Amino acid sequence: MYQVYIDKPSYFEPDMAGEFKDLKSAEEFAEKEKALDSEVTYEIKETSGCFNSYGELITSLVKRG
């Protein structure tokens, strides 16, 4: 599972914009968002569905743009 987080200068922290089953779909979505607004930055994170001892989802950064 891949999660796309969108960040703008006006945001307090990045918002999760969507979850995708494959990396290609996540990249396409993130690039479209960046094309609509030049101030947008994004992060694509991969998760296996595992949680740490605090109950937080464990993710790894795949791509930042």
N, C-alpha and C. Protein backbone atom coordinates (compact mmCIF):
# COMPACT_ATOMS: atom_id res chain seq x y z
N MET A 1 0.86 -1.17 0.00
CA MET A 1 0.00 0.00 0.00
C MET A 1 0.90 1.23 0.00
N TYR A 2 0.55 2.19 -0.81
CA TYR A 2 1.29 3.45 -0.89
C TYR A 2 0.38 4.60 -0.48
N GLN A 3 0.92 5.50 0.30
CA GLN A 3 0.17 6.67 0.76
C GLN A 3 0.83 7.93 0.20
N VAL A 4 0.00 8.85 -0.28
CA VAL A 4 0.49 10.12 -0.81
C VAL A 4 0.13 11.22 0.17
N TYR A 5 1.14 11.96 0.61
CA TYR A 5 0.95 13.09 1.51
C TYR A 5 1.26 14.37 0.75
N ILE A 6 0.34 15.33 0.82
CA ILE A 6 0.48 16.62 0.14
C ILE A 6 0.77 17.68 1.20
N ASP A 7 1.75 18.54 0.90
CA ASP A 7 2.11 19.61 1.83
C ASP A 7 2.18 20.93 1.08
N LYS A 8 1.62 21.95 1.70
CA LYS A 8 1.68 23.32 1.18
C LYS A 8 2.26 24.20 2.29
N PRO A 9 2.80 25.36 1.95
CA PRO A 9 3.34 26.24 2.99
C PRO A 9 2.30 26.64 4.04
N SER A 10 1.03 26.67 3.67
CA SER A 10 -0.01 27.08 4.61
C SER A 10 -0.47 25.95 5.53
N TYR A 11 -0.07 24.70 5.25
CA TYR A 11 -0.48 23.56 6.07
C TYR A 11 0.39 23.48 7.33
N PHE A 12 -0.20 23.02 8.43
CA PHE A 12 0.55 22.80 9.66
C PHE A 12 1.43 21.56 9.51
N GLU A 13 0.88 20.52 8.91
CA GLU A 13 1.63 19.30 8.60
C GLU A 13 1.03 18.69 7.34
N PRO A 14 1.77 17.82 6.66
CA PRO A 14 1.25 17.24 5.41
C PRO A 14 -0.05 16.47 5.63
N ASP A 15 -0.95 16.57 4.65
CA ASP A 15 -2.23 15.85 4.68
C ASP A 15 -2.12 14.61 3.80
N MET A 16 -2.67 13.49 4.28
CA MET A 16 -2.72 12.31 3.44
C MET A 16 -3.82 12.52 2.40
N ALA A 17 -3.44 12.48 1.13
CA ALA A 17 -4.37 12.75 0.06
C ALA A 17 -4.98 11.48 -0.52
N GLY A 18 -4.31 10.34 -0.33
CA GLY A 18 -4.87 9.12 -0.86
C GLY A 18 -3.99 7.91 -0.61
N GLU A 19 -4.60 6.73 -0.76
CA GLU A 19 -3.89 5.47 -0.65
C GLU A 19 -4.05 4.71 -1.96
N PHE A 20 -2.96 4.09 -2.40
CA PHE A 20 -2.95 3.42 -3.69
C PHE A 20 -2.31 2.05 -3.55
N LYS A 21 -2.74 1.12 -4.38
CA LYS A 21 -2.20 -0.24 -4.33
C LYS A 21 -0.85 -0.35 -5.03
N ASP A 22 -0.62 0.48 -6.04
CA ASP A 22 0.64 0.40 -6.76
C ASP A 22 1.33 1.76 -6.82
N LEU A 23 2.63 1.72 -6.95
CA LEU A 23 3.46 2.93 -6.93
C LEU A 23 3.17 3.83 -8.13
N LYS A 24 2.92 3.25 -9.28
CA LYS A 24 2.66 4.05 -10.49
C LYS A 24 1.45 4.96 -10.31
N SER A 25 0.37 4.44 -9.76
CA SER A 25 -0.84 5.24 -9.53
C SER A 25 -0.57 6.36 -8.52
N ALA A 26 0.19 6.05 -7.48
CA ALA A 26 0.52 7.06 -6.47
C ALA A 26 1.36 8.17 -7.07
N GLU A 27 2.34 7.82 -7.90
CA GLU A 27 3.18 8.83 -8.55
C GLU A 27 2.37 9.71 -9.49
N GLU A 28 1.48 9.11 -10.27
CA GLU A 28 0.64 9.88 -11.19
C GLU A 28 -0.22 10.88 -10.44
N PHE A 29 -0.83 10.45 -9.35
CA PHE A 29 -1.67 11.33 -8.55
C PHE A 29 -0.85 12.48 -7.98
N ALA A 30 0.31 12.17 -7.42
CA ALA A 30 1.16 13.20 -6.81
C ALA A 30 1.63 14.22 -7.85
N GLU A 31 2.00 13.76 -9.02
CA GLU A 31 2.46 14.66 -10.08
C GLU A 31 1.33 15.56 -10.57
N LYS A 32 0.12 15.04 -10.64
CA LYS A 32 -1.03 15.87 -11.03
C LYS A 32 -1.27 16.99 -10.02
N GLU A 33 -1.18 16.65 -8.73
CA GLU A 33 -1.36 17.65 -7.68
C GLU A 33 -0.28 18.73 -7.77
N LYS A 34 0.94 18.33 -8.03
CA LYS A 34 2.05 19.29 -8.14
C LYS A 34 1.87 20.17 -9.38
N ALA A 35 1.34 19.61 -10.46
CA ALA A 35 1.11 20.39 -11.68
C ALA A 35 0.03 21.44 -11.48
N LEU A 36 -0.96 21.15 -10.63
CA LEU A 36 -2.04 22.10 -10.37
C LEU A 36 -1.59 23.28 -9.51
N ASP A 37 -0.63 23.06 -8.63
CA ASP A 37 -0.17 24.12 -7.72
C ASP A 37 1.33 23.96 -7.53
N SER A 38 2.10 24.96 -7.95
CA SER A 38 3.57 24.86 -7.89
C SER A 38 4.12 24.90 -6.47
N GLU A 39 3.33 25.34 -5.49
CA GLU A 39 3.79 25.39 -4.10
C GLU A 39 3.68 24.03 -3.40
N VAL A 40 3.01 23.09 -4.03
CA VAL A 40 2.78 21.78 -3.42
C VAL A 40 4.06 20.95 -3.44
N THR A 41 4.33 20.28 -2.32
CA THR A 41 5.34 19.23 -2.28
C THR A 41 4.63 17.95 -1.84
N TYR A 42 5.21 16.83 -2.17
CA TYR A 42 4.55 15.57 -1.83
C TYR A 42 5.55 14.55 -1.33
N GLU A 43 5.04 13.58 -0.61
CA GLU A 43 5.81 12.43 -0.17
C GLU A 43 4.97 11.19 -0.46
N ILE A 44 5.62 10.17 -0.97
CA ILE A 44 4.97 8.89 -1.17
C ILE A 44 5.62 7.91 -0.20
N LYS A 45 4.78 7.30 0.64
CA LYS A 45 5.28 6.38 1.65
C LYS A 45 4.67 5.01 1.42
N GLU A 46 5.48 3.98 1.68
CA GLU A 46 5.01 2.60 1.56
C GLU A 46 4.77 2.02 2.95
N THR A 47 3.72 1.27 3.08
CA THR A 47 3.41 0.62 4.35
C THR A 47 3.06 -0.84 4.11
N SER A 48 3.41 -1.67 5.07
CA SER A 48 3.07 -3.08 4.99
C SER A 48 1.87 -3.42 5.88
N GLY A 49 1.37 -2.43 6.59
CA GLY A 49 0.25 -2.65 7.48
C GLY A 49 0.65 -2.98 8.91
N CYS A 50 1.95 -2.92 9.21
CA CYS A 50 2.44 -3.21 10.56
C CYS A 50 2.44 -1.94 11.41
N PHE A 51 2.27 -2.13 12.71
CA PHE A 51 2.24 -1.02 13.66
C PHE A 51 3.38 -1.16 14.67
N ASN A 52 3.86 -0.02 15.19
CA ASN A 52 4.87 -0.07 16.23
C ASN A 52 4.20 -0.20 17.59
N SER A 53 4.99 -0.18 18.66
CA SER A 53 4.44 -0.39 20.01
C SER A 53 3.55 0.76 20.46
N TYR A 54 3.61 1.91 19.77
CA TYR A 54 2.75 3.05 20.11
C TYR A 54 1.44 3.05 19.31
N GLY A 55 1.26 2.07 18.45
CA GLY A 55 0.06 1.98 17.64
C GLY A 55 0.11 2.82 16.38
N GLU A 56 1.31 3.30 16.01
CA GLU A 56 1.47 4.11 14.80
C GLU A 56 1.85 3.20 13.64
N LEU A 57 1.29 3.48 12.48
CA LEU A 57 1.58 2.71 11.27
C LEU A 57 3.04 2.92 10.87
N ILE A 58 3.74 1.84 10.58
CA ILE A 58 5.14 1.93 10.17
C ILE A 58 5.19 2.17 8.66
N THR A 59 5.85 3.25 8.25
CA THR A 59 5.96 3.59 6.84
C THR A 59 7.42 3.82 6.48
N SER A 60 7.71 3.71 5.20
CA SER A 60 9.04 4.07 4.70
C SER A 60 8.87 4.99 3.50
N LEU A 61 9.68 6.03 3.46
CA LEU A 61 9.61 7.02 2.39
C LEU A 61 10.12 6.41 1.10
N VAL A 62 9.32 6.54 0.03
CA VAL A 62 9.67 6.01 -1.27
C VAL A 62 10.15 7.13 -2.20
N LYS A 63 9.40 8.25 -2.19
CA LYS A 63 9.72 9.33 -3.11
C LYS A 63 9.24 10.66 -2.52
N ARG A 64 9.99 11.71 -2.78
CA ARG A 64 9.63 13.05 -2.35
C ARG A 64 9.77 13.98 -3.57
N GLY A 65 8.82 14.86 -3.71
CA GLY A 65 8.88 15.77 -4.87
C GLY A 65 8.28 17.09 -4.60
